[in-house]
Amino acid sequence: MKVPYVREEVEIPPGVDVQVESNGRLIVKVKGPLGELVKDFGSVPIMVRREDNKLVLETYFARKFERALVGTIASRIRNMIKGVTKGWRYKLKIVYSHFPIMVKVQGDKLIIENLLGRKDKIVLQIPKGIKVQVTKDDIIVEGIDRDLVSQFAANIEEATTLRGDERPCPHGREGGPGVLDGIYVYAVEHVKA
């Protein structure tokens, strides 16, 4: 069933500049005190215009897909605005029982060593625009682009996830839920309150 009109508004706080280009592709530029973000949303059947201190996203005769798209793009623009005003911080906990997992930052790489006593290292490239800090049992990933920060935090968690026969079982059988060793996201917050 088509809905005749769908509209969503995004508030633009003071000190933030939002520019929209929609000549075939929807490109949104958001500039704030912490930096600038540019997102290309591609060819979407949505009209975006600025009214005073808000951005209006609208579409006509929308099916379920277009209604969802309006909400998704509005949410991503809100995340861009929060990113350039407050920043994003993901906290990860290093969890181990027998073999201490060692994590360090070397230049633009995050190196994870000694996962379950392994000799090989896990090396992850840190994307531009992201700051990584390693404390005793925590890894803190910060940046203004939520997509980039959350994806890198997920990459760290995924790189240390054990699968199938990698997971030793305390009962001597292959596989099983015997080990919790790894690195896990436990908090998402803003850099500035």
C-alpha atoms as a PDB file:
ATOM      1  CA  MET A   1       0.000   0.000   0.000  1.00  0.00           C
ATOM      2  CA  LYS A   2       1.340   3.416  -0.955  1.00  0.00           C
ATOM      3  CA  VAL A   3       1.239   6.310   1.483  1.00  0.00           C
ATOM      4  CA  PRO A   4       0.503   9.641  -0.272  1.00  0.00           C
ATOM      5  CA  TYR A   5       3.087  11.692   1.661  1.00  0.00           C
ATOM      6  CA  VAL A   6       5.953  10.914   4.053  1.00  0.00           C
ATOM      7  CA  ARG A   7       7.871  13.664   5.848  1.00  0.00           C
ATOM      8  CA  GLU A   8      10.626  13.644   8.455  1.00  0.00           C
ATOM      9  CA  GLU A   9      12.442  16.618  10.005  1.00  0.00           C
ATOM     10  CA  VAL A  10      15.996  16.829  11.321  1.00  0.00           C
ATOM     11  CA  GLU A  11      16.819  19.704  13.698  1.00  0.00           C
ATOM     12  CA  ILE A  12      20.045  21.595  12.918  1.00  0.00           C
ATOM     13  CA  PRO A  13      21.617  22.937  16.141  1.00  0.00           C
ATOM     14  CA  PRO A  14      23.422  26.306  16.272  1.00  0.00           C
ATOM     15  CA  GLY A  15      27.041  26.126  15.145  1.00  0.00           C
ATOM     16  CA  VAL A  16      26.364  23.357  12.618  1.00  0.00           C
ATOM     17  CA  ASP A  17      26.221  23.945   8.862  1.00  0.00           C
ATOM     18  CA  VAL A  18      24.377  21.422   6.669  1.00  0.00           C
ATOM     19  CA  GLN A  19      24.542  21.534   2.882  1.00  0.00           C
ATOM     20  CA  VAL A  20      22.592  19.261   0.552  1.00  0.00           C
ATOM     21  CA  GLU A  21      23.370  18.518  -3.098  1.00  0.00           C
ATOM     22  CA  SER A  22      20.816  16.442  -4.953  1.00  0.00           C
ATOM     23  CA  ASN A  23      21.581  16.505  -8.659  1.00  0.00           C
ATOM     24  CA  GLY A  24      20.977  12.819  -9.387  1.00  0.00           C
ATOM     25  CA  ARG A  25      22.701  11.701  -6.167  1.00  0.00           C
ATOM     26  CA  LEU A  26      21.936  12.827  -2.620  1.00  0.00           C
ATOM     27  CA  ILE A  27      25.128  14.198  -1.013  1.00  0.00           C
ATOM     28  CA  VAL A  28      24.970  15.690   2.491  1.00  0.00           C
ATOM     29  CA  LYS A  29      27.791  17.774   4.003  1.00  0.00           C
ATOM     30  CA  VAL A  30      27.730  18.512   7.731  1.00  0.00           C
ATOM     31  CA  LYS A  31      30.253  20.884   9.304  1.00  0.00           C
ATOM     32  CA  GLY A  32      30.571  21.491  13.039  1.00  0.00           C
ATOM     33  CA  PRO A  33      33.061  22.330  15.801  1.00  0.00           C
ATOM     34  CA  LEU A  34      34.768  18.887  15.664  1.00  0.00           C
ATOM     35  CA  GLY A  35      35.116  18.635  11.884  1.00  0.00           C
ATOM     36  CA  GLU A  36      33.306  17.943   8.641  1.00  0.00           C
ATOM     37  CA  LEU A  37      31.528  14.833   7.310  1.00  0.00           C
ATOM     38  CA  VAL A  38      30.366  14.127   3.764  1.00  0.00           C
ATOM     39  CA  LYS A  39      28.022  11.224   2.912  1.00  0.00           C
ATOM     40  CA  ASP A  40      26.875  10.126  -0.524  1.00  0.00           C
ATOM     41  CA  PHE A  41      23.487   8.403  -0.201  1.00  0.00           C
ATOM     42  CA  GLY A  42      23.319   7.594  -3.919  1.00  0.00           C
ATOM     43  CA  SER A  43      20.262   7.909  -6.134  1.00  0.00           C
ATOM     44  CA  VAL A  44      17.288   7.907  -3.779  1.00  0.00           C
ATOM     45  CA  PRO A  45      13.644   8.868  -4.475  1.00  0.00           C
ATOM     46  CA  ILE A  46      13.638  11.430  -1.653  1.00  0.00           C
ATOM     47  CA  MET A  47      13.561  15.220  -1.726  1.00  0.00           C
ATOM     48  CA  VAL A  48      15.668  17.016   0.882  1.00  0.00           C
ATOM     49  CA  ARG A  49      15.424  20.744   1.515  1.00  0.00           C
ATOM     50  CA  ARG A  50      16.341  23.178   4.238  1.00  0.00           C
ATOM     51  CA  GLU A  51      13.732  25.151   6.174  1.00  0.00           C
ATOM     52  CA  ASP A  52      15.189  27.626   8.682  1.00  0.00           C
ATOM     53  CA  ASN A  53      16.985  25.516  11.316  1.00  0.00           C
ATOM     54  CA  LYS A  54      15.813  22.110  10.115  1.00  0.00           C
ATOM     55  CA  LEU A  55      16.270  19.718   7.232  1.00  0.00           C
ATOM     56  CA  VAL A  56      13.072  18.310   5.700  1.00  0.00           C
ATOM     57  CA  LEU A  57      13.097  14.902   4.021  1.00  0.00           C
ATOM     58  CA  GLU A  58       9.978  14.024   2.058  1.00  0.00           C
ATOM     59  CA  THR A  59       8.629  11.692  -0.581  1.00  0.00           C
ATOM     60  CA  TYR A  60       5.281  11.187  -2.314  1.00  0.00           C
ATOM     61  CA  PHE A  61       3.330   7.982  -2.975  1.00  0.00           C
ATOM     62  CA  ALA A  62       5.806   5.993  -0.917  1.00  0.00           C
ATOM     63  CA  ARG A  63       5.856   2.233  -0.693  1.00  0.00           C
ATOM     64  CA  LYS A  64       7.288   0.486   2.378  1.00  0.00           C
ATOM     65  CA  PHE A  65      10.855   0.790   1.016  1.00  0.00           C
ATOM     66  CA  GLU A  66      10.667   4.568   0.501  1.00  0.00           C
ATOM     67  CA  ARG A  67       9.081   5.113   3.940  1.00  0.00           C
ATOM     68  CA  ALA A  68      11.922   3.157   5.562  1.00  0.00           C
ATOM     69  CA  LEU A  69      14.505   5.018   3.466  1.00  0.00           C
ATOM     70  CA  VAL A  70      13.269   8.422   4.684  1.00  0.00           C
ATOM     71  CA  GLY A  71      13.682   7.311   8.315  1.00  0.00           C
ATOM     72  CA  THR A  72      17.086   5.711   7.702  1.00  0.00           C
ATOM     73  CA  ILE A  73      18.572   8.739   5.948  1.00  0.00           C
ATOM     74  CA  ALA A  74      17.150  11.105   8.610  1.00  0.00           C
ATOM     75  CA  SER A  75      18.724   8.941  11.324  1.00  0.00           C
ATOM     76  CA  ARG A  76      22.093   8.887   9.572  1.00  0.00           C
ATOM     77  CA  ILE A  77      22.045  12.692   9.158  1.00  0.00           C
ATOM     78  CA  ARG A  78      21.255  13.025  12.907  1.00  0.00           C
ATOM     79  CA  ASN A  79      24.271  10.784  13.641  1.00  0.00           C
ATOM     80  CA  MET A  80      26.434  13.011  11.404  1.00  0.00           C
ATOM     81  CA  ILE A  81      25.273  16.100  13.342  1.00  0.00           C
ATOM     82  CA  LYS A  82      26.008  14.394  16.694  1.00  0.00           C
ATOM     83  CA  GLY A  83      29.401  13.341  15.342  1.00  0.00           C
ATOM     84  CA  VAL A  84      30.533  16.863  14.401  1.00  0.00           C
ATOM     85  CA  THR A  85      29.208  18.341  17.675  1.00  0.00           C
ATOM     86  CA  LYS A  86      29.854  15.609  20.284  1.00  0.00           C
ATOM     87  CA  GLY A  87      31.933  12.888  18.578  1.00  0.00           C
ATOM     88  CA  TRP A  88      31.548   9.117  19.044  1.00  0.00           C
ATOM     89  CA  ARG A  89      33.376   6.806  21.453  1.00  0.00           C
ATOM     90  CA  TYR A  90      33.175   2.996  21.486  1.00  0.00           C
ATOM     91  CA  LYS A  91      34.711   1.148  24.441  1.00  0.00           C
ATOM     92  CA  LEU A  92      35.877  -2.442  24.151  1.00  0.00           C
ATOM     93  CA  LYS A  93      36.912  -4.794  26.994  1.00  0.00           C
ATOM     94  CA  ILE A  94      39.827  -7.226  26.624  1.00  0.00           C
ATOM     95  CA  VAL A  95      38.713 -10.506  28.231  1.00  0.00           C
ATOM     96  CA  TYR A  96      40.998 -13.514  28.867  1.00  0.00           C
ATOM     97  CA  SER A  97      41.343 -16.313  31.386  1.00  0.00           C
ATOM     98  CA  HIS A  98      44.708 -18.085  30.896  1.00  0.00           C
ATOM     99  CA  PHE A  99      46.747 -16.342  28.201  1.00  0.00           C
ATOM    100  CA  PRO A 100      46.921 -12.545  28.555  1.00  0.00           C
ATOM    101  CA  ILE A 101      45.896 -10.854  25.300  1.00  0.00           C
ATOM    102  CA  MET A 102      48.310  -8.060  24.411  1.00  0.00           C
ATOM    103  CA  VAL A 103      47.040  -5.144  22.334  1.00  0.00           C
ATOM    104  CA  LYS A 104      49.091  -2.193  21.099  1.00  0.00           C
ATOM    105  CA  VAL A 105      48.915   0.611  18.561  1.00  0.00           C
ATOM    106  CA  GLN A 106      51.873   0.933  16.185  1.00  0.00           C
ATOM    107  CA  GLY A 107      51.499   3.849  13.803  1.00  0.00           C
ATOM    108  CA  ASP A 108      48.257   3.287  11.899  1.00  0.00           C
ATOM    109  CA  LYS A 109      47.883  -0.375  12.902  1.00  0.00           C
ATOM    110  CA  LEU A 110      46.261  -2.113  15.878  1.00  0.00           C
ATOM    111  CA  ILE A 111      48.144  -5.304  16.796  1.00  0.00           C
ATOM    112  CA  ILE A 112      46.546  -8.067  18.870  1.00  0.00           C
ATOM    113  CA  GLU A 113      48.918 -10.764  20.189  1.00  0.00           C
ATOM    114  CA  ASN A 114      48.718 -13.955  22.256  1.00  0.00           C
ATOM    115  CA  LEU A 115      45.004 -14.682  21.705  1.00  0.00           C
ATOM    116  CA  LEU A 116      44.683 -18.130  23.370  1.00  0.00           C
ATOM    117  CA  GLY A 117      48.481 -18.413  23.349  1.00  0.00           C
ATOM    118  CA  ARG A 118      48.787 -18.226  19.558  1.00  0.00           C
ATOM    119  CA  LYS A 119      52.071 -17.209  17.993  1.00  0.00           C
ATOM    120  CA  ASP A 120      50.469 -15.321  15.084  1.00  0.00           C
ATOM    121  CA  LYS A 121      49.429 -11.677  15.382  1.00  0.00           C
ATOM    122  CA  ILE A 122      46.167 -10.090  14.316  1.00  0.00           C
ATOM    123  CA  VAL A 123      46.896  -6.796  12.544  1.00  0.00           C
ATOM    124  CA  LEU A 124      44.090  -4.316  11.814  1.00  0.00           C
ATOM    125  CA  GLN A 125      44.532  -1.135   9.763  1.00  0.00           C
ATOM    126  CA  ILE A 126      43.187   1.916  11.648  1.00  0.00           C
ATOM    127  CA  PRO A 127      41.123   4.055   9.226  1.00  0.00           C
ATOM    128  CA  LYS A 128      41.904   7.766   8.819  1.00  0.00           C
ATOM    129  CA  GLY A 129      39.882   9.967  11.161  1.00  0.00           C
ATOM    130  CA  ILE A 130      39.850   7.425  13.996  1.00  0.00           C
ATOM    131  CA  LYS A 131      41.814   7.641  17.244  1.00  0.00           C
ATOM    132  CA  VAL A 132      42.554   4.422  19.170  1.00  0.00           C
ATOM    133  CA  GLN A 133      43.798   4.256  22.772  1.00  0.00           C
ATOM    134  CA  VAL A 134      44.761   1.073  24.597  1.00  0.00           C
ATOM    135  CA  THR A 135      44.747   0.994  28.397  1.00  0.00           C
ATOM    136  CA  LYS A 136      45.257  -2.071  30.600  1.00  0.00           C
ATOM    137  CA  ASP A 137      42.039  -3.970  29.751  1.00  0.00           C
ATOM    138  CA  ASP A 138      40.241  -1.441  27.523  1.00  0.00           C
ATOM    139  CA  ILE A 139      40.413  -0.250  23.939  1.00  0.00           C
ATOM    140  CA  ILE A 140      38.830   3.131  23.204  1.00  0.00           C
ATOM    141  CA  VAL A 141      37.911   3.982  19.606  1.00  0.00           C
ATOM    142  CA  GLU A 142      36.967   7.625  18.902  1.00  0.00           C
ATOM    143  CA  GLY A 143      36.002   9.690  15.881  1.00  0.00           C
ATOM    144  CA  ILE A 144      33.300  11.894  14.382  1.00  0.00           C
ATOM    145  CA  ASP A 145      31.981   9.422  11.789  1.00  0.00           C
ATOM    146  CA  ARG A 146      29.763   6.884  13.603  1.00  0.00           C
ATOM    147  CA  ASP A 147      29.755   4.512  10.632  1.00  0.00           C
ATOM    148  CA  LEU A 148      33.566   4.370  10.607  1.00  0.00           C
ATOM    149  CA  VAL A 149      33.980   4.171  14.408  1.00  0.00           C
ATOM    150  CA  SER A 150      31.352   1.454  14.879  1.00  0.00           C
ATOM    151  CA  GLN A 151      32.655  -0.578  11.929  1.00  0.00           C
ATOM    152  CA  PHE A 152      36.226  -0.518  13.278  1.00  0.00           C
ATOM    153  CA  ALA A 153      35.018  -1.535  16.765  1.00  0.00           C
ATOM    154  CA  ALA A 154      33.074  -4.392  15.146  1.00  0.00           C
ATOM    155  CA  ASN A 155      36.175  -5.408  13.159  1.00  0.00           C
ATOM    156  CA  ILE A 156      38.186  -5.682  16.401  1.00  0.00           C
ATOM    157  CA  GLU A 157      35.468  -7.810  18.021  1.00  0.00           C
ATOM    158  CA  GLU A 158      35.113  -9.991  14.902  1.00  0.00           C
ATOM    159  CA  ALA A 159      38.890 -10.540  14.600  1.00  0.00           C
ATOM    160  CA  THR A 160      38.998 -12.088  18.084  1.00  0.00           C
ATOM    161  CA  THR A 161      35.800 -14.152  17.846  1.00  0.00           C
ATOM    162  CA  LEU A 162      36.499 -17.877  18.029  1.00  0.00           C
ATOM    163  CA  ARG A 163      34.555 -20.200  15.750  1.00  0.00           C
ATOM    164  CA  GLY A 164      33.842 -23.905  15.551  1.00  0.00           C
ATOM    165  CA  ASP A 165      36.879 -26.029  16.333  1.00  0.00           C
ATOM    166  CA  GLU A 166      38.893 -22.950  17.398  1.00  0.00           C
ATOM    167  CA  ARG A 167      36.846 -22.882  20.628  1.00  0.00           C
ATOM    168  CA  PRO A 168      38.375 -25.328  23.113  1.00  0.00           C
ATOM    169  CA  CYS A 169      35.817 -27.047  25.316  1.00  0.00           C
ATOM    170  CA  PRO A 170      36.492 -27.653  29.046  1.00  0.00           C
ATOM    171  CA  HIS A 171      35.144 -31.217  28.708  1.00  0.00           C
ATOM    172  CA  GLY A 172      37.695 -32.286  26.094  1.00  0.00           C
ATOM    173  CA  ARG A 173      35.234 -32.420  23.180  1.00  0.00           C
ATOM    174  CA  GLU A 174      35.741 -30.422  20.006  1.00  0.00           C
ATOM    175  CA  GLY A 175      34.083 -26.989  19.914  1.00  0.00           C
ATOM    176  CA  GLY A 176      31.631 -25.790  22.521  1.00  0.00           C
ATOM    177  CA  PRO A 177      31.061 -22.729  24.679  1.00  0.00           C
ATOM    178  CA  GLY A 178      34.117 -23.234  26.898  1.00  0.00           C
ATOM    179  CA  VAL A 179      36.099 -20.029  26.274  1.00  0.00           C
ATOM    180  CA  LEU A 180      35.133 -16.372  26.529  1.00  0.00           C
ATOM    181  CA  ASP A 181      38.539 -14.987  25.518  1.00  0.00           C
ATOM    182  CA  GLY A 182      38.284 -12.083  23.098  1.00  0.00           C
ATOM    183  CA  ILE A 183      37.599  -8.360  22.820  1.00  0.00           C
ATOM    184  CA  TYR A 184      34.021  -7.120  23.209  1.00  0.00           C
ATOM    185  CA  VAL A 185      32.201  -3.771  22.776  1.00  0.00           C
ATOM    186  CA  TYR A 186      30.610  -2.790  26.091  1.00  0.00           C
ATOM    187  CA  ALA A 187      29.793   0.930  25.795  1.00  0.00           C
ATOM    188  CA  VAL A 188      28.886   3.580  23.224  1.00  0.00           C
ATOM    189  CA  GLU A 189      29.015   7.211  24.266  1.00  0.00           C
ATOM    190  CA  HIS A 190      29.823  10.726  23.063  1.00  0.00           C
ATOM    191  CA  VAL A 191      33.303  12.237  23.412  1.00  0.00           C
ATOM    192  CA  LYS A 192      31.805  15.557  24.569  1.00  0.00           C
ATOM    193  CA  ALA A 193      28.847  15.501  26.939  1.00  0.00           C
END
